[in-house]
Amino acid sequence: MSGQYGIQLDRALDSLLVGTRHRSDLGDLDLLAKSLSEHGLLQPPTITPEGFVLIGVRRVAAARKLGWRTINVWVRSGLSDRLGQLLSEHADHALHKPLTTLEAAALYRELKAVLEEEAALRQAANRFGAQPGLAGISGGGDSPPPSAPHEYGKAREQAARMVTGRDSHQMLERVNRIEDLAADGTASAAVRGQAEAELARIRDGAGVLASHQRMNAALSLDELDRIAADPTQPESVRESAGREAARARQSDLKAAEMERLARAALERVKGSSGSKHPSKPRTAVTAGDEVPKLRSSRAFWATWSELDGWWRYYDVEQMVRELSGEQLDLFVSIAEGTMRFATELQNARAAA
């Protein structure tokens, strides 16, 4: 059979190569193996002419589990380049078992890098004239490719949508940042340990936002520790840093409040020293967390006037059933931030 997939044929299972993929957890293969045994192979895996499996890794694994020697496959040419393989892997995941958060973050990281590289090649081709092999580069499928002047932002948004179906780049960037901190040989043992603990929580299904906030708190506390141990700092500053770090660690607060407390403690110590600590602090804050441009009171009122009595229109039990842990964490974080702002607003009004 010819066409987009090339040909359909039987291939020895031993000759198929899985290679490096972002899904490491294939899940329970017993039901799939039972289906193959009872009904046969309903949808052949897709491979490259070299034997790399693009789509259907779980079917190949289940066939091997059954002891099959051969399997029927589609041979697809033209997808040996890395972007083509990533797009095929993405399509396979979009239609089958969802990726875990860490698997999605790994696929996002590589897709973003490839999309940025492809965009840079397109820019070079447009600037200096078309070069062989560049004219046909696209964003994949019906997605438009990232283009100047905001290549980085567009690439990460496009990569996030390809992996999760929505613009989740902030969440995925946070996971990547925590992974980077866990692997950073120049970071302190405390920071690496905290990052590893947060990755374990995410691996077990916890939301990313709380891990991001705890990681930010850990980084602030780590900088306080470095100030406290810095002999070039005045003794009063070192003692203050030590006290602030100890006080923050003894508090029993939620992640968002712990992040705020640790950051405030660090700012107090830096303020008392008269200058910022000379070493550049590590930060888990990603590009999506930059200080926003302040909006007008008119915009404020337009937002809040629409929310009057909103809670009467939603059922708590339904929200718990239907929203993800990440969505619930984000809502709680917004609500906590709203309460802090409301308290500050009331205090400022009373003092006016």
C-alpha atoms as a PDB file:
ATOM      1  CA  MET A   1       0.000   0.000   0.000  1.00  0.00           C
ATOM      2  CA  SER A   2       1.474   3.341  -1.034  1.00  0.00           C
ATOM      3  CA  GLY A   3       0.827   6.946  -0.067  1.00  0.00           C
ATOM      4  CA  GLN A   4       1.718   9.009   2.939  1.00  0.00           C
ATOM      5  CA  TYR A   5       2.855   6.006   4.968  1.00  0.00           C
ATOM      6  CA  GLY A   6       4.786   4.308   2.164  1.00  0.00           C
ATOM      7  CA  ILE A   7       4.204   0.576   2.573  1.00  0.00           C
ATOM      8  CA  GLN A   8       2.607  -1.862   5.001  1.00  0.00           C
ATOM      9  CA  LEU A   9       4.543  -5.038   5.789  1.00  0.00           C
ATOM     10  CA  ASP A  10       5.512  -7.536   8.479  1.00  0.00           C
ATOM     11  CA  ARG A  11       8.659  -6.697  10.405  1.00  0.00           C
ATOM     12  CA  ALA A  12      10.672  -8.731  12.911  1.00  0.00           C
ATOM     13  CA  LEU A  13      10.104  -7.355  16.412  1.00  0.00           C
ATOM     14  CA  ASP A  14      13.792  -7.769  17.222  1.00  0.00           C
ATOM     15  CA  SER A  15      14.630  -5.328  14.421  1.00  0.00           C
ATOM     16  CA  LEU A  16      12.483  -2.503  15.820  1.00  0.00           C
ATOM     17  CA  LEU A  17      14.165   0.281  17.780  1.00  0.00           C
ATOM     18  CA  VAL A  18      12.408   2.481  20.318  1.00  0.00           C
ATOM     19  CA  GLY A  19      15.245   4.943  20.908  1.00  0.00           C
ATOM     20  CA  THR A  20      15.002   7.888  23.291  1.00  0.00           C
ATOM     21  CA  ARG A  21      11.402   8.844  24.042  1.00  0.00           C
ATOM     22  CA  HIS A  22       9.839  11.132  26.600  1.00  0.00           C
ATOM     23  CA  ARG A  23       7.323   8.543  27.769  1.00  0.00           C
ATOM     24  CA  SER A  24       9.152   6.178  30.087  1.00  0.00           C
ATOM     25  CA  ASP A  25       6.029   4.817  31.808  1.00  0.00           C
ATOM     26  CA  LEU A  26       4.149   2.547  29.403  1.00  0.00           C
ATOM     27  CA  GLY A  27       1.478   1.780  31.982  1.00  0.00           C
ATOM     28  CA  ASP A  28      -0.314  -1.555  32.366  1.00  0.00           C
ATOM     29  CA  LEU A  29       0.316  -3.625  29.229  1.00  0.00           C
ATOM     30  CA  ASP A  30      -1.725  -6.655  30.327  1.00  0.00           C
ATOM     31  CA  LEU A  31      -5.058  -5.406  28.936  1.00  0.00           C
ATOM     32  CA  LEU A  32      -3.442  -4.364  25.669  1.00  0.00           C
ATOM     33  CA  ALA A  33      -1.686  -7.733  25.383  1.00  0.00           C
ATOM     34  CA  LYS A  34      -4.998  -9.500  26.035  1.00  0.00           C
ATOM     35  CA  SER A  35      -6.664  -7.447  23.289  1.00  0.00           C
ATOM     36  CA  LEU A  36      -3.874  -8.297  20.833  1.00  0.00           C
ATOM     37  CA  SER A  37      -4.165 -11.967  21.729  1.00  0.00           C
ATOM     38  CA  GLU A  38      -7.949 -12.081  21.329  1.00  0.00           C
ATOM     39  CA  HIS A  39      -8.540  -9.661  18.456  1.00  0.00           C
ATOM     40  CA  GLY A  40      -5.199  -9.332  16.743  1.00  0.00           C
ATOM     41  CA  LEU A  41      -3.447  -6.104  15.797  1.00  0.00           C
ATOM     42  CA  LEU A  42      -6.132  -3.593  14.818  1.00  0.00           C
ATOM     43  CA  GLN A  43      -3.797  -0.645  14.180  1.00  0.00           C
ATOM     44  CA  PRO A  44      -0.215  -1.328  13.040  1.00  0.00           C
ATOM     45  CA  PRO A  45       2.582   0.750  14.594  1.00  0.00           C
ATOM     46  CA  THR A  46       4.310   3.336  12.408  1.00  0.00           C
ATOM     47  CA  ILE A  47       8.079   3.089  11.931  1.00  0.00           C
ATOM     48  CA  THR A  48      10.813   4.749   9.892  1.00  0.00           C
ATOM     49  CA  PRO A  49      12.606   2.792   7.155  1.00  0.00           C
ATOM     50  CA  GLU A  50      15.482   2.427   9.654  1.00  0.00           C
ATOM     51  CA  GLY A  51      13.180   0.636  12.099  1.00  0.00           C
ATOM     52  CA  PHE A  52      12.615   3.397  14.679  1.00  0.00           C
ATOM     53  CA  VAL A  53       9.127   3.215  16.197  1.00  0.00           C
ATOM     54  CA  LEU A  54       7.318   6.540  15.788  1.00  0.00           C
ATOM     55  CA  ILE A  55       3.791   5.575  16.812  1.00  0.00           C
ATOM     56  CA  GLY A  56       2.695   2.491  18.743  1.00  0.00           C
ATOM     57  CA  VAL A  57       5.452   1.821  21.277  1.00  0.00           C
ATOM     58  CA  ARG A  58       2.940   0.259  23.690  1.00  0.00           C
ATOM     59  CA  ARG A  59       1.660  -2.071  20.948  1.00  0.00           C
ATOM     60  CA  VAL A  60       5.225  -3.158  20.191  1.00  0.00           C
ATOM     61  CA  ALA A  61       5.893  -3.748  23.908  1.00  0.00           C
ATOM     62  CA  ALA A  62       2.666  -5.747  24.287  1.00  0.00           C
ATOM     63  CA  ALA A  63       3.526  -7.865  21.227  1.00  0.00           C
ATOM     64  CA  ARG A  64       6.939  -8.613  22.711  1.00  0.00           C
ATOM     65  CA  LYS A  65       5.241  -9.508  25.989  1.00  0.00           C
ATOM     66  CA  LEU A  66       3.166 -12.077  24.074  1.00  0.00           C
ATOM     67  CA  GLY A  67       6.291 -13.532  22.486  1.00  0.00           C
ATOM     68  CA  TRP A  68       5.438 -12.509  18.934  1.00  0.00           C
ATOM     69  CA  ARG A  69       8.317 -12.710  16.472  1.00  0.00           C
ATOM     70  CA  THR A  70       6.903 -10.324  13.844  1.00  0.00           C
ATOM     71  CA  ILE A  71       4.388  -7.500  13.739  1.00  0.00           C
ATOM     72  CA  ASN A  72       2.602  -5.711  10.934  1.00  0.00           C
ATOM     73  CA  VAL A  73       3.799  -2.116  10.553  1.00  0.00           C
ATOM     74  CA  TRP A  74       3.408   0.994   8.440  1.00  0.00           C
ATOM     75  CA  VAL A  75       6.732   2.234   7.096  1.00  0.00           C
ATOM     76  CA  ARG A  76       6.721   6.031   6.977  1.00  0.00           C
ATOM     77  CA  SER A  77       9.484   7.824   5.106  1.00  0.00           C
ATOM     78  CA  GLY A  78      10.431  11.468   5.500  1.00  0.00           C
ATOM     79  CA  LEU A  79      10.298  11.505   9.313  1.00  0.00           C
ATOM     80  CA  SER A  80      13.882  10.658  10.174  1.00  0.00           C
ATOM     81  CA  ASP A  81      14.703  14.237  11.189  1.00  0.00           C
ATOM     82  CA  ARG A  82      14.317  15.036  14.878  1.00  0.00           C
ATOM     83  CA  LEU A  83      11.403  17.460  14.479  1.00  0.00           C
ATOM     84  CA  GLY A  84       9.443  14.923  12.462  1.00  0.00           C
ATOM     85  CA  GLN A  85      10.018  12.236  15.079  1.00  0.00           C
ATOM     86  CA  LEU A  86       8.969  14.582  17.885  1.00  0.00           C
ATOM     87  CA  LEU A  87       5.811  15.565  16.027  1.00  0.00           C
ATOM     88  CA  SER A  88       4.934  11.908  15.486  1.00  0.00           C
ATOM     89  CA  GLU A  89       5.551  11.100  19.135  1.00  0.00           C
ATOM     90  CA  HIS A  90       3.353  14.047  20.076  1.00  0.00           C
ATOM     91  CA  ALA A  91       0.559  12.814  17.779  1.00  0.00           C
ATOM     92  CA  ASP A  92       0.797   9.336  19.289  1.00  0.00           C
ATOM     93  CA  HIS A  93       0.473  10.714  22.814  1.00  0.00           C
ATOM     94  CA  ALA A  94      -2.367  13.060  21.872  1.00  0.00           C
ATOM     95  CA  LEU A  95      -4.489  10.109  20.799  1.00  0.00           C
ATOM     96  CA  HIS A  96      -3.517   7.587  23.463  1.00  0.00           C
ATOM     97  CA  LYS A  97      -2.307   7.371  27.073  1.00  0.00           C
ATOM     98  CA  PRO A  98      -1.717  10.894  28.450  1.00  0.00           C
ATOM     99  CA  LEU A  99       1.820  11.913  29.314  1.00  0.00           C
ATOM    100  CA  THR A 100       2.759  12.367  32.947  1.00  0.00           C
ATOM    101  CA  THR A 101       3.708  15.899  33.979  1.00  0.00           C
ATOM    102  CA  LEU A 102       7.426  15.089  33.920  1.00  0.00           C
ATOM    103  CA  GLU A 103       7.151  13.349  30.547  1.00  0.00           C
ATOM    104  CA  ALA A 104       5.245  16.339  29.149  1.00  0.00           C
ATOM    105  CA  ALA A 105       7.900  18.712  30.501  1.00  0.00           C
ATOM    106  CA  ALA A 106      10.687  16.677  28.882  1.00  0.00           C
ATOM    107  CA  LEU A 107       8.909  16.595  25.513  1.00  0.00           C
ATOM    108  CA  TYR A 108       8.147  20.325  25.819  1.00  0.00           C
ATOM    109  CA  ARG A 109      11.781  21.150  26.549  1.00  0.00           C
ATOM    110  CA  GLU A 110      13.034  19.392  23.429  1.00  0.00           C
ATOM    111  CA  LEU A 111      10.204  20.553  21.181  1.00  0.00           C
ATOM    112  CA  LYS A 112      10.807  24.150  22.224  1.00  0.00           C
ATOM    113  CA  ALA A 113      14.525  23.838  21.490  1.00  0.00           C
ATOM    114  CA  VAL A 114      13.861  22.304  18.073  1.00  0.00           C
ATOM    115  CA  LEU A 115      11.235  24.924  17.191  1.00  0.00           C
ATOM    116  CA  GLU A 116      13.608  27.721  18.203  1.00  0.00           C
ATOM    117  CA  GLU A 117      16.345  26.177  16.065  1.00  0.00           C
ATOM    118  CA  GLU A 118      13.991  25.824  13.095  1.00  0.00           C
ATOM    119  CA  ALA A 119      12.886  29.447  13.543  1.00  0.00           C
ATOM    120  CA  ALA A 120      16.506  30.616  13.598  1.00  0.00           C
ATOM    121  CA  LEU A 121      17.162  28.730  10.363  1.00  0.00           C
ATOM    122  CA  ARG A 122      14.121  30.343   8.759  1.00  0.00           C
ATOM    123  CA  GLN A 123      15.289  33.770   9.853  1.00  0.00           C
ATOM    124  CA  ALA A 124      18.705  33.117   8.351  1.00  0.00           C
ATOM    125  CA  ALA A 125      17.099  31.916   5.121  1.00  0.00           C
ATOM    126  CA  ASN A 126      14.889  35.002   4.907  1.00  0.00           C
ATOM    127  CA  ARG A 127      17.746  37.358   5.743  1.00  0.00           C
ATOM    128  CA  PHE A 128      20.388  35.943   3.421  1.00  0.00           C
ATOM    129  CA  GLY A 129      18.258  34.243   0.781  1.00  0.00           C
ATOM    130  CA  ALA A 130      16.784  30.761   0.660  1.00  0.00           C
ATOM    131  CA  GLN A 131      19.204  27.940   1.362  1.00  0.00           C
ATOM    132  CA  PRO A 132      18.826  24.289   0.365  1.00  0.00           C
ATOM    133  CA  GLY A 133      16.674  22.364   2.823  1.00  0.00           C
ATOM    134  CA  LEU A 134      15.231  25.433   4.563  1.00  0.00           C
ATOM    135  CA  ALA A 135      12.368  26.390   2.294  1.00  0.00           C
ATOM    136  CA  GLY A 136      10.182  23.507   3.391  1.00  0.00           C
ATOM    137  CA  ILE A 137      10.527  24.034   7.139  1.00  0.00           C
ATOM    138  CA  SER A 138       7.179  24.692   8.791  1.00  0.00           C
ATOM    139  CA  GLY A 139       5.638  24.724  12.223  1.00  0.00           C
ATOM    140  CA  GLY A 140       4.210  21.240  11.796  1.00  0.00           C
ATOM    141  CA  GLY A 141       0.671  20.334  10.737  1.00  0.00           C
ATOM    142  CA  ASP A 142      -1.623  23.345  10.623  1.00  0.00           C
ATOM    143  CA  SER A 143       0.353  25.243  13.273  1.00  0.00           C
ATOM    144  CA  PRO A 144       2.106  28.360  11.990  1.00  0.00           C
ATOM    145  CA  PRO A 145       5.835  28.449  12.704  1.00  0.00           C
ATOM    146  CA  PRO A 146       7.272  30.843  15.266  1.00  0.00           C
ATOM    147  CA  SER A 147       8.527  34.039  13.640  1.00  0.00           C
ATOM    148  CA  ALA A 148      10.425  37.190  14.574  1.00  0.00           C
ATOM    149  CA  PRO A 149      10.527  39.295  16.649  1.00  0.00           C
ATOM    150  CA  HIS A 150       9.307  37.108  19.526  1.00  0.00           C
ATOM    151  CA  GLU A 151      10.740  33.721  18.546  1.00  0.00           C
ATOM    152  CA  TYR A 152      11.317  32.496  22.105  1.00  0.00           C
ATOM    153  CA  GLY A 153       7.843  33.311  23.389  1.00  0.00           C
ATOM    154  CA  LYS A 154       6.117  31.901  20.329  1.00  0.00           C
ATOM    155  CA  ALA A 155       8.208  28.735  20.324  1.00  0.00           C
ATOM    156  CA  ARG A 156       7.482  27.920  23.954  1.00  0.00           C
ATOM    157  CA  GLU A 157       3.765  28.679  23.574  1.00  0.00           C
ATOM    158  CA  GLN A 158       3.562  26.548  20.436  1.00  0.00           C
ATOM    159  CA  ALA A 159       5.518  23.717  22.058  1.00  0.00           C
ATOM    160  CA  ALA A 160       3.234  23.805  25.106  1.00  0.00           C
ATOM    161  CA  ARG A 161       0.103  23.648  22.959  1.00  0.00           C
ATOM    162  CA  MET A 162       1.520  20.750  20.978  1.00  0.00           C
ATOM    163  CA  VAL A 163       2.248  18.777  24.152  1.00  0.00           C
ATOM    164  CA  THR A 164      -0.779  19.599  26.324  1.00  0.00           C
ATOM    165  CA  GLY A 165      -3.330  21.133  23.970  1.00  0.00           C
ATOM    166  CA  ARG A 166      -3.217  24.498  25.763  1.00  0.00           C
ATOM    167  CA  ASP A 167      -0.766  27.283  26.525  1.00  0.00           C
ATOM    168  CA  SER A 168       0.718  25.614  29.608  1.00  0.00           C
ATOM    169  CA  HIS A 169       4.258  26.886  29.012  1.00  0.00           C
ATOM    170  CA  GLN A 170       4.474  28.552  32.432  1.00  0.00           C
ATOM    171  CA  MET A 171       3.760  25.277  34.242  1.00  0.00           C
ATOM    172  CA  LEU A 172       6.143  23.327  32.006  1.00  0.00           C
ATOM    173  CA  GLU A 173       8.866  25.970  32.369  1.00  0.00           C
ATOM    174  CA  ARG A 174       8.528  25.675  36.139  1.00  0.00           C
ATOM    175  CA  VAL A 175       9.025  21.917  35.967  1.00  0.00           C
ATOM    176  CA  ASN A 176      12.061  22.380  33.723  1.00  0.00           C
ATOM    177  CA  ARG A 177      13.509  24.935  36.136  1.00  0.00           C
ATOM    178  CA  ILE A 178      13.101  22.572  39.092  1.00  0.00           C
ATOM    179  CA  GLU A 179      14.772  19.824  37.046  1.00  0.00           C
ATOM    180  CA  ASP A 180      17.651  22.179  36.231  1.00  0.00           C
ATOM    181  CA  LEU A 181      18.123  23.015  39.916  1.00  0.00           C
ATOM    182  CA  ALA A 182      18.131  19.322  40.863  1.00  0.00           C
ATOM    183  CA  ALA A 183      20.921  18.724  38.329  1.00  0.00           C
ATOM    184  CA  ASP A 184      22.896  21.910  39.090  1.00  0.00           C
ATOM    185  CA  GLY A 185      26.245  20.858  40.512  1.00  0.00           C
ATOM    186  CA  THR A 186      26.951  24.417  41.666  1.00  0.00           C
ATOM    187  CA  ALA A 187      23.793  24.605  43.787  1.00  0.00           C
ATOM    188  CA  SER A 188      23.872  23.790  47.484  1.00  0.00           C
ATOM    189  CA  ALA A 189      22.926  20.333  48.713  1.00  0.00           C
ATOM    190  CA  ALA A 190      19.823  21.847  50.336  1.00  0.00           C
ATOM    191  CA  VAL A 191      18.610  23.359  47.050  1.00  0.00           C
ATOM    192  CA  ARG A 192      19.292  20.183  45.076  1.00  0.00           C
ATOM    193  CA  GLY A 193      17.585  18.090  47.739  1.00  0.00           C
ATOM    194  CA  GLN A 194      14.529  20.343  47.747  1.00  0.00           C
ATOM    195  CA  ALA A 195      14.354  20.196  43.951  1.00  0.00           C
ATOM    196  CA  GLU A 196      14.578  16.400  43.968  1.00  0.00           C
ATOM    197  CA  ALA A 197      11.837  16.232  46.607  1.00  0.00           C
ATOM    198  CA  GLU A 198       9.587  18.485  44.522  1.00  0.00           C
ATOM    199  CA  LEU A 199      10.158  16.365  41.419  1.00  0.00           C
ATOM    200  CA  ALA A 200       9.180  13.295  43.436  1.00  0.00           C
ATOM    201  CA  ARG A 201       5.959  15.029  44.487  1.00  0.00           C
ATOM    202  CA  ILE A 202       5.185  15.975  40.890  1.00  0.00           C
ATOM    203  CA  ARG A 203       5.971  12.424  39.789  1.00  0.00           C
ATOM    204  CA  ASP A 204       3.404  11.189  42.327  1.00  0.00           C
ATOM    205  CA  GLY A 205       0.734  13.476  40.883  1.00  0.00           C
ATOM    206  CA  ALA A 206       1.030  16.656  42.966  1.00  0.00           C
ATOM    207  CA  GLY A 207       0.442  20.055  41.370  1.00  0.00           C
ATOM    208  CA  VAL A 208       3.359  22.079  40.037  1.00  0.00           C
ATOM    209  CA  LEU A 209       2.420  25.474  41.485  1.00  0.00           C
ATOM    210  CA  ALA A 210       2.997  24.513  45.127  1.00  0.00           C
ATOM    211  CA  SER A 211       6.335  22.900  44.228  1.00  0.00           C
ATOM    212  CA  HIS A 212       7.335  26.073  42.372  1.00  0.00           C
ATOM    213  CA  GLN A 213       6.467  28.172  45.431  1.00  0.00           C
ATOM    214  CA  ARG A 214       8.345  25.893  47.840  1.00  0.00           C
ATOM    215  CA  MET A 215      11.325  25.967  45.497  1.00  0.00           C
ATOM    216  CA  ASN A 216      11.331  29.751  45.472  1.00  0.00           C
ATOM    217  CA  ALA A 217      11.196  29.732  49.278  1.00  0.00           C
ATOM    218  CA  ALA A 218      14.114  27.285  49.410  1.00  0.00           C
ATOM    219  CA  LEU A 219      16.177  29.534  47.135  1.00  0.00           C
ATOM    220  CA  SER A 220      15.508  32.587  49.317  1.00  0.00           C
ATOM    221  CA  LEU A 221      16.455  30.621  52.443  1.00  0.00           C
ATOM    222  CA  ASP A 222      19.590  29.350  50.725  1.00  0.00           C
ATOM    223  CA  GLU A 223      20.670  32.901  49.965  1.00  0.00           C
ATOM    224  CA  LEU A 224      20.002  33.886  53.588  1.00  0.00           C
ATOM    225  CA  ASP A 225      22.264  31.007  54.651  1.00  0.00           C
ATOM    226  CA  ARG A 226      25.004  32.226  52.300  1.00  0.00           C
ATOM    227  CA  ILE A 227      24.741  35.762  53.675  1.00  0.00           C
ATOM    228  CA  ALA A 228      24.888  34.421  57.236  1.00  0.00           C
ATOM    229  CA  ALA A 229      28.087  32.512  56.396  1.00  0.00           C
ATOM    230  CA  ASP A 230      29.740  35.330  54.406  1.00  0.00           C
ATOM    231  CA  PRO A 231      32.684  36.772  56.388  1.00  0.00           C
ATOM    232  CA  THR A 232      32.695  39.908  54.230  1.00  0.00           C
ATOM    233  CA  GLN A 233      29.279  40.912  55.572  1.00  0.00           C
ATOM    234  CA  PRO A 234      28.942  42.938  58.802  1.00  0.00           C
ATOM    235  CA  GLU A 235      28.314  40.804  61.870  1.00  0.00           C
ATOM    236  CA  SER A 236      24.892  42.369  62.416  1.00  0.00           C
ATOM    237  CA  VAL A 237      23.854  41.439  58.876  1.00  0.00           C
ATOM    238  CA  ARG A 238      25.085  37.856  59.270  1.00  0.00           C
ATOM    239  CA  GLU A 239      23.216  37.480  62.555  1.00  0.00           C
ATOM    240  CA  SER A 240      20.067  38.974  61.053  1.00  0.00           C
ATOM    241  CA  ALA A 241      20.247  36.588  58.091  1.00  0.00           C
ATOM    242  CA  GLY A 242      20.646  33.615  60.417  1.00  0.00           C
ATOM    243  CA  ARG A 243      17.682  34.682  62.569  1.00  0.00           C
ATOM    244  CA  GLU A 244      15.442  35.326  59.575  1.00  0.00           C
ATOM    245  CA  ALA A 245      16.277  31.950  58.014  1.00  0.00           C
ATOM    246  CA  ALA A 246      15.630  30.114  61.293  1.00  0.00           C
ATOM    247  CA  ARG A 247      12.331  31.941  61.851  1.00  0.00           C
ATOM    248  CA  ALA A 248      11.123  31.161  58.341  1.00  0.00           C
ATOM    249  CA  ARG A 249      12.043  27.478  58.635  1.00  0.00           C
ATOM    250  CA  GLN A 250      10.162  27.157  61.921  1.00  0.00           C
ATOM    251  CA  SER A 251       6.936  28.514  60.435  1.00  0.00           C
ATOM    252  CA  ASP A 252       4.180  26.110  59.450  1.00  0.00           C
ATOM    253  CA  LEU A 253       2.717  27.820  56.405  1.00  0.00           C
ATOM    254  CA  LYS A 254       1.297  26.833  53.048  1.00  0.00           C
ATOM    255  CA  ALA A 255       3.589  26.991  50.050  1.00  0.00           C
ATOM    256  CA  ALA A 256       2.415  30.415  48.836  1.00  0.00           C
ATOM    257  CA  GLU A 257       2.800  32.015  52.277  1.00  0.00           C
ATOM    258  CA  MET A 258       6.153  30.337  52.838  1.00  0.00           C
ATOM    259  CA  GLU A 259       7.387  31.731  49.524  1.00  0.00           C
ATOM    260  CA  ARG A 260       6.244  35.233  50.504  1.00  0.00           C
ATOM    261  CA  LEU A 261       7.715  34.966  54.027  1.00  0.00           C
ATOM    262  CA  ALA A 262      11.125  33.785  52.807  1.00  0.00           C
ATOM    263  CA  ARG A 263      11.291  36.464  50.115  1.00  0.00           C
ATOM    264  CA  ALA A 264      10.306  39.181  52.616  1.00  0.00           C
ATOM    265  CA  ALA A 265      12.967  37.964  55.058  1.00  0.00           C
ATOM    266  CA  LEU A 266      15.622  38.122  52.350  1.00  0.00           C
ATOM    267  CA  GLU A 267      14.540  41.636  51.348  1.00  0.00           C
ATOM    268  CA  ARG A 268      14.750  42.808  54.982  1.00  0.00           C
ATOM    269  CA  VAL A 269      18.262  41.461  55.372  1.00  0.00           C
ATOM    270  CA  LYS A 270      19.434  42.979  52.092  1.00  0.00           C
ATOM    271  CA  GLY A 271      17.846  46.269  53.041  1.00  0.00           C
ATOM    272  CA  SER A 272      19.599  46.324  56.411  1.00  0.00           C
ATOM    273  CA  SER A 273      22.974  45.668  54.766  1.00  0.00           C
ATOM    274  CA  GLY A 274      22.659  48.802  52.645  1.00  0.00           C
ATOM    275  CA  SER A 275      23.408  46.891  49.438  1.00  0.00           C
ATOM    276  CA  LYS A 276      22.426  43.679  47.750  1.00  0.00           C
ATOM    277  CA  HIS A 277      24.422  40.549  48.340  1.00  0.00           C
ATOM    278  CA  PRO A 278      27.140  40.484  45.663  1.00  0.00           C
ATOM    279  CA  SER A 279      26.544  36.939  44.471  1.00  0.00           C
ATOM    280  CA  LYS A 280      23.787  36.475  41.943  1.00  0.00           C
ATOM    281  CA  PRO A 281      20.960  34.473  43.536  1.00  0.00           C
ATOM    282  CA  ARG A 282      19.419  31.498  41.797  1.00  0.00           C
ATOM    283  CA  THR A 283      15.747  31.847  41.169  1.00  0.00           C
ATOM    284  CA  ALA A 284      12.929  29.519  40.211  1.00  0.00           C
ATOM    285  CA  VAL A 285      10.910  32.420  38.838  1.00  0.00           C
ATOM    286  CA  THR A 286      10.378  31.899  35.113  1.00  0.00           C
ATOM    287  CA  ALA A 287       9.897  34.316  32.238  1.00  0.00           C
ATOM    288  CA  GLY A 288       6.142  34.183  32.748  1.00  0.00           C
ATOM    289  CA  ASP A 289       6.511  35.644  36.259  1.00  0.00           C
ATOM    290  CA  GLU A 290       8.048  39.037  35.483  1.00  0.00           C
ATOM    291  CA  VAL A 291       6.632  42.058  37.333  1.00  0.00           C
ATOM    292  CA  PRO A 292       3.449  42.960  35.436  1.00  0.00           C
ATOM    293  CA  LYS A 293       2.577  46.427  34.201  1.00  0.00           C
ATOM    294  CA  LEU A 294       0.210  48.079  36.680  1.00  0.00           C
ATOM    295  CA  ARG A 295      -3.339  48.592  35.471  1.00  0.00           C
ATOM    296  CA  SER A 296      -5.823  51.383  36.138  1.00  0.00           C
ATOM    297  CA  SER A 297      -8.613  51.516  38.734  1.00  0.00           C
ATOM    298  CA  ARG A 298     -11.052  51.358  35.821  1.00  0.00           C
ATOM    299  CA  ALA A 299      -9.594  48.013  34.732  1.00  0.00           C
ATOM    300  CA  PHE A 300      -9.705  46.842  38.359  1.00  0.00           C
ATOM    301  CA  TRP A 301     -13.388  47.654  38.680  1.00  0.00           C
ATOM    302  CA  ALA A 302     -14.230  46.142  35.291  1.00  0.00           C
ATOM    303  CA  THR A 303     -12.688  42.875  36.495  1.00  0.00           C
ATOM    304  CA  TRP A 304     -14.284  42.707  39.930  1.00  0.00           C
ATOM    305  CA  SER A 305     -17.735  44.028  39.089  1.00  0.00           C
ATOM    306  CA  GLU A 306     -18.181  40.985  36.845  1.00  0.00           C
ATOM    307  CA  LEU A 307     -17.386  38.616  39.734  1.00  0.00           C
ATOM    308  CA  ASP A 308     -20.023  39.777  42.203  1.00  0.00           C
ATOM    309  CA  GLY A 309     -21.608  36.669  43.732  1.00  0.00           C
ATOM    310  CA  TRP A 310     -19.795  34.300  41.371  1.00  0.00           C
ATOM    311  CA  TRP A 311     -19.600  31.533  44.006  1.00  0.00           C
ATOM    312  CA  ARG A 312     -23.384  31.042  43.902  1.00  0.00           C
ATOM    313  CA  TYR A 313     -23.136  29.573  40.410  1.00  0.00           C
ATOM    314  CA  TYR A 314     -20.666  26.749  41.073  1.00  0.00           C
ATOM    315  CA  ASP A 315     -20.893  23.478  42.980  1.00  0.00           C
ATOM    316  CA  VAL A 316     -17.891  22.656  45.171  1.00  0.00           C
ATOM    317  CA  GLU A 317     -18.193  18.889  44.761  1.00  0.00           C
ATOM    318  CA  GLN A 318     -18.401  19.236  40.986  1.00  0.00           C
ATOM    319  CA  MET A 319     -15.290  21.416  40.932  1.00  0.00           C
ATOM    320  CA  VAL A 320     -13.373  18.854  43.019  1.00  0.00           C
ATOM    321  CA  ARG A 321     -14.412  16.080  40.636  1.00  0.00           C
ATOM    322  CA  GLU A 322     -13.770  17.880  37.368  1.00  0.00           C
ATOM    323  CA  LEU A 323     -10.813  20.216  37.955  1.00  0.00           C
ATOM    324  CA  SER A 324      -7.230  18.971  37.987  1.00  0.00           C
ATOM    325  CA  GLY A 325      -4.982  19.369  41.008  1.00  0.00           C
ATOM    326  CA  GLU A 326      -3.019  22.020  39.123  1.00  0.00           C
ATOM    327  CA  GLN A 327      -6.198  23.986  38.398  1.00  0.00           C
ATOM    328  CA  LEU A 328      -7.351  23.795  42.020  1.00  0.00           C
ATOM    329  CA  ASP A 329      -3.910  24.876  43.263  1.00  0.00           C
ATOM    330  CA  LEU A 330      -3.971  27.858  40.915  1.00  0.00           C
ATOM    331  CA  PHE A 331      -7.437  28.882  42.108  1.00  0.00           C
ATOM    332  CA  VAL A 332      -6.391  28.671  45.779  1.00  0.00           C
ATOM    333  CA  SER A 333      -3.259  30.706  45.014  1.00  0.00           C
ATOM    334  CA  ILE A 334      -5.364  33.391  43.289  1.00  0.00           C
ATOM    335  CA  ALA A 335      -7.807  33.436  46.210  1.00  0.00           C
ATOM    336  CA  GLU A 336      -4.982  33.765  48.747  1.00  0.00           C
ATOM    337  CA  GLY A 337      -3.397  36.582  46.750  1.00  0.00           C
ATOM    338  CA  THR A 338      -6.794  38.275  46.524  1.00  0.00           C
ATOM    339  CA  MET A 339      -7.222  38.125  50.307  1.00  0.00           C
ATOM    340  CA  ARG A 340      -3.768  39.620  50.841  1.00  0.00           C
ATOM    341  CA  PHE A 341      -4.574  42.461  48.448  1.00  0.00           C
ATOM    342  CA  ALA A 342      -7.965  43.006  50.128  1.00  0.00           C
ATOM    343  CA  THR A 343      -6.284  43.262  53.544  1.00  0.00           C
ATOM    344  CA  GLU A 344      -3.731  45.764  52.241  1.00  0.00           C
ATOM    345  CA  LEU A 345      -6.523  47.740  50.573  1.00  0.00           C
ATOM    346  CA  GLN A 346      -8.549  47.902  53.791  1.00  0.00           C
ATOM    347  CA  ASN A 347      -5.505  48.951  55.821  1.00  0.00           C
ATOM    348  CA  ALA A 348      -4.613  51.670  53.307  1.00  0.00           C
ATOM    349  CA  ARG A 349      -8.201  52.899  53.303  1.00  0.00           C
ATOM    350  CA  ALA A 350      -8.273  53.064  57.108  1.00  0.00           C
ATOM    351  CA  ALA A 351      -4.998  54.987  57.168  1.00  0.00           C
ATOM    352  CA  ALA A 352      -6.089  57.458  54.487  1.00  0.00           C
END
